[in-house]
């Protein structure tokens, strides 16, 4: 991949995407659980009000949800 591209690999497969179409996140993998944690922590940091509790759910597919809760 060049500076204008992002490549992703898994085993012997490879995908190349235009860099402008990508958002690179600081997560080890794109599981629903890790995405929920990233979103939740980012919301906590960005919100201007203190929260007693925050729960984020990322729907992976029908019946499967990744959940993150503050304090967990």
Protein backbone atom coordinates (compact mmCIF):
# COMPACT_ATOMS: atom_id res chain seq x y z
CA UNK A 1 0.00 0.00 0.00
CA UNK A 2 1.06 3.57 -0.61
CA UNK A 3 0.47 6.69 1.52
CA UNK A 4 -2.89 7.07 -0.21
CA UNK A 5 -3.93 3.49 0.61
CA UNK A 6 -4.58 1.31 3.64
CA UNK A 7 -4.12 -2.43 3.41
CA UNK A 8 -5.63 -5.10 5.63
CA UNK A 9 -4.52 -8.71 5.71
CA UNK A 10 -5.89 -11.89 7.20
CA UNK A 11 -4.10 -15.17 6.65
CA UNK A 12 -3.42 -15.27 2.88
CA UNK A 13 -6.01 -12.61 1.95
CA UNK A 14 -5.30 -8.91 1.40
CA UNK A 15 -7.58 -5.89 0.90
CA UNK A 16 -6.58 -2.37 -0.17
CA UNK A 17 -8.74 0.69 0.53
CA UNK A 18 -8.38 4.38 -0.36
CA UNK A 19 -6.94 6.18 2.71
CA UNK A 20 -9.65 8.86 2.48
CA UNK A 21 -12.31 6.17 3.00
CA UNK A 22 -10.71 4.83 6.20
CA UNK A 23 -10.69 5.75 9.86
CA UNK A 24 -7.89 4.07 11.77
CA UNK A 25 -8.81 3.31 15.37
CA UNK A 26 -6.50 2.46 18.28
CA UNK A 27 -7.99 -1.02 18.79
CA UNK A 28 -6.29 -4.40 18.48
CA UNK A 29 -9.18 -5.85 16.47
CA UNK A 30 -12.57 -4.74 15.18
CA UNK A 31 -14.72 -6.91 17.44
CA UNK A 32 -17.99 -5.39 18.60
CA UNK A 33 -16.71 -5.49 22.20
CA UNK A 34 -13.53 -3.55 21.42
CA UNK A 35 -15.45 -1.04 19.30
CA UNK A 36 -17.96 -0.52 22.13
CA UNK A 37 -15.08 0.03 24.59
CA UNK A 38 -13.38 2.52 22.27
CA UNK A 39 -16.62 4.46 21.71
CA UNK A 40 -17.44 4.45 25.43
CA UNK A 41 -14.03 5.66 26.53
CA UNK A 42 -14.03 8.35 23.84
CA UNK A 43 -17.49 9.53 24.93
CA UNK A 44 -16.36 9.68 28.57
CA UNK A 45 -13.37 11.79 27.59
CA UNK A 46 -15.33 14.11 25.27
CA UNK A 47 -18.48 14.75 27.33
CA UNK A 48 -18.41 17.91 29.40
CA UNK A 49 -20.55 16.49 32.20
CA UNK A 50 -19.67 13.77 34.72
CA UNK A 51 -21.62 10.54 34.32
CA UNK A 52 -22.50 8.06 37.03
CA UNK A 53 -22.64 5.29 34.47
CA UNK A 54 -22.27 4.84 30.72
CA UNK A 55 -23.21 1.79 28.68
CA UNK A 56 -22.42 1.39 24.99
CA UNK A 57 -23.73 -1.42 22.79
CA UNK A 58 -22.48 -2.19 19.29
CA UNK A 59 -24.75 -4.48 17.28
CA UNK A 60 -22.62 -7.02 15.43
CA UNK A 61 -25.48 -8.87 13.75
CA UNK A 62 -28.97 -10.05 14.67
CA UNK A 63 -28.85 -11.23 18.27
CA UNK A 64 -25.14 -10.48 18.86
CA UNK A 65 -24.13 -7.33 20.67
CA UNK A 66 -20.80 -6.15 22.07
CA UNK A 67 -21.27 -4.25 25.34
CA UNK A 68 -19.04 -1.93 27.36
CA UNK A 69 -19.98 -0.27 30.65
CA UNK A 70 -18.02 2.33 32.55
CA UNK A 71 -16.21 0.69 35.42
CA UNK A 72 -15.93 -2.63 33.58
